[in-house]
């Protein structure tokens, strides 16, 4: 299962709402600027970008990364969520 990291330049509640509606059990909102999502049937970062509504027309800027590996120090909830979707 592929995990994507979504970073927004500025907070956008509607973008995170989309994650909750499309992938209710497959997203983890870490901050108002960053979330993770592990959607089924999605194979590109562009699909995630389009789903959350990033684009110049809406004025929502950000970056989507496909995670190959990650390390860090954060809450146990985040690591538990990540382990659930890592191959």
Protein backbone atom coordinates (compact mmCIF):
# COMPACT_ATOMS: atom_id res chain seq x y z
CA UNK A 1 0.00 0.00 0.00
CA UNK A 2 1.39 3.38 -0.96
CA UNK A 3 1.40 6.17 1.59
CA UNK A 4 1.40 9.80 0.47
CA UNK A 5 2.39 12.86 2.49
CA UNK A 6 0.39 15.99 1.67
CA UNK A 7 1.83 19.39 2.58
CA UNK A 8 -0.23 22.56 2.14
CA UNK A 9 1.33 26.03 2.01
CA UNK A 10 -1.57 27.35 4.06
CA UNK A 11 -4.29 25.58 6.04
CA UNK A 12 -7.34 24.49 4.08
CA UNK A 13 -10.06 22.67 5.99
CA UNK A 14 -11.86 21.69 2.78
CA UNK A 15 -8.80 19.76 1.55
CA UNK A 16 -8.70 17.69 4.73
CA UNK A 17 -12.45 17.22 4.56
CA UNK A 18 -11.99 15.61 1.13
CA UNK A 19 -9.52 13.13 2.62
CA UNK A 20 -12.06 12.25 5.30
CA UNK A 21 -14.86 11.77 2.80
CA UNK A 22 -12.91 9.83 0.15
CA UNK A 23 -10.70 7.79 2.49
CA UNK A 24 -12.27 7.86 5.96
CA UNK A 25 -10.08 5.13 7.47
CA UNK A 26 -7.04 5.81 5.33
CA UNK A 27 -5.94 9.32 6.27
CA UNK A 28 -4.12 10.88 9.20
CA UNK A 29 -4.12 14.66 9.65
CA UNK A 30 -0.96 15.58 11.53
CA UNK A 31 -1.25 19.40 11.46
CA UNK A 32 -3.32 22.01 9.64
CA UNK A 33 -0.56 21.99 6.98
CA UNK A 34 0.24 18.26 6.73
CA UNK A 35 -1.54 14.94 6.37
CA UNK A 36 -0.88 11.38 5.30
CA UNK A 37 -3.16 9.27 3.13
CA UNK A 38 -3.01 5.63 1.99
CA UNK A 39 -5.76 5.41 -0.63
CA UNK A 40 -6.65 2.28 -2.55
CA UNK A 41 -6.60 2.58 -6.33
CA UNK A 42 -4.43 5.69 -6.44
CA UNK A 43 -1.08 5.36 -8.16
CA UNK A 44 0.26 8.91 -8.62
CA UNK A 45 0.89 11.99 -6.53
CA UNK A 46 -1.05 13.98 -9.15
CA UNK A 47 -4.21 12.03 -8.30
CA UNK A 48 -3.86 13.02 -4.64
CA UNK A 49 -3.14 16.63 -5.60
CA UNK A 50 -6.28 16.75 -7.75
CA UNK A 51 -8.41 15.04 -5.09
CA UNK A 52 -7.60 17.62 -2.41
CA UNK A 53 -8.09 20.46 -4.89
CA UNK A 54 -4.58 21.83 -5.26
CA UNK A 55 -4.28 24.27 -8.11
CA UNK A 56 -3.93 27.87 -9.14
CA UNK A 57 -7.65 28.28 -9.84
CA UNK A 58 -8.50 27.55 -6.21
CA UNK A 59 -5.33 29.14 -4.88
CA UNK A 60 -4.43 26.03 -2.93
CA UNK A 61 -0.70 25.41 -3.13
CA UNK A 62 1.23 22.50 -1.72
CA UNK A 63 3.24 19.39 -2.44
CA UNK A 64 2.44 15.67 -2.41
CA UNK A 65 5.18 13.10 -1.79
CA UNK A 66 5.03 9.33 -2.16
CA UNK A 67 6.71 7.83 0.90
CA UNK A 68 9.32 5.19 0.28
CA UNK A 69 10.70 5.27 3.80
CA UNK A 70 10.37 7.50 6.82
CA UNK A 71 12.05 8.10 10.14
CA UNK A 72 11.50 10.64 12.86
CA UNK A 73 10.11 11.31 16.26
CA UNK A 74 6.39 11.87 16.66
CA UNK A 75 3.30 10.60 18.45
CA UNK A 76 2.65 6.90 18.82
CA UNK A 77 -0.66 7.38 17.00
CA UNK A 78 1.16 8.48 13.85
CA UNK A 79 3.59 5.55 13.89
CA UNK A 80 0.74 3.10 14.53
CA UNK A 81 -1.18 4.54 11.56
CA UNK A 82 1.89 4.40 9.30
CA UNK A 83 2.62 0.76 10.24
CA UNK A 84 -0.94 -0.17 9.32
CA UNK A 85 -0.34 0.74 5.66
CA UNK A 86 3.34 -0.04 5.12
CA UNK A 87 4.03 -3.16 3.06
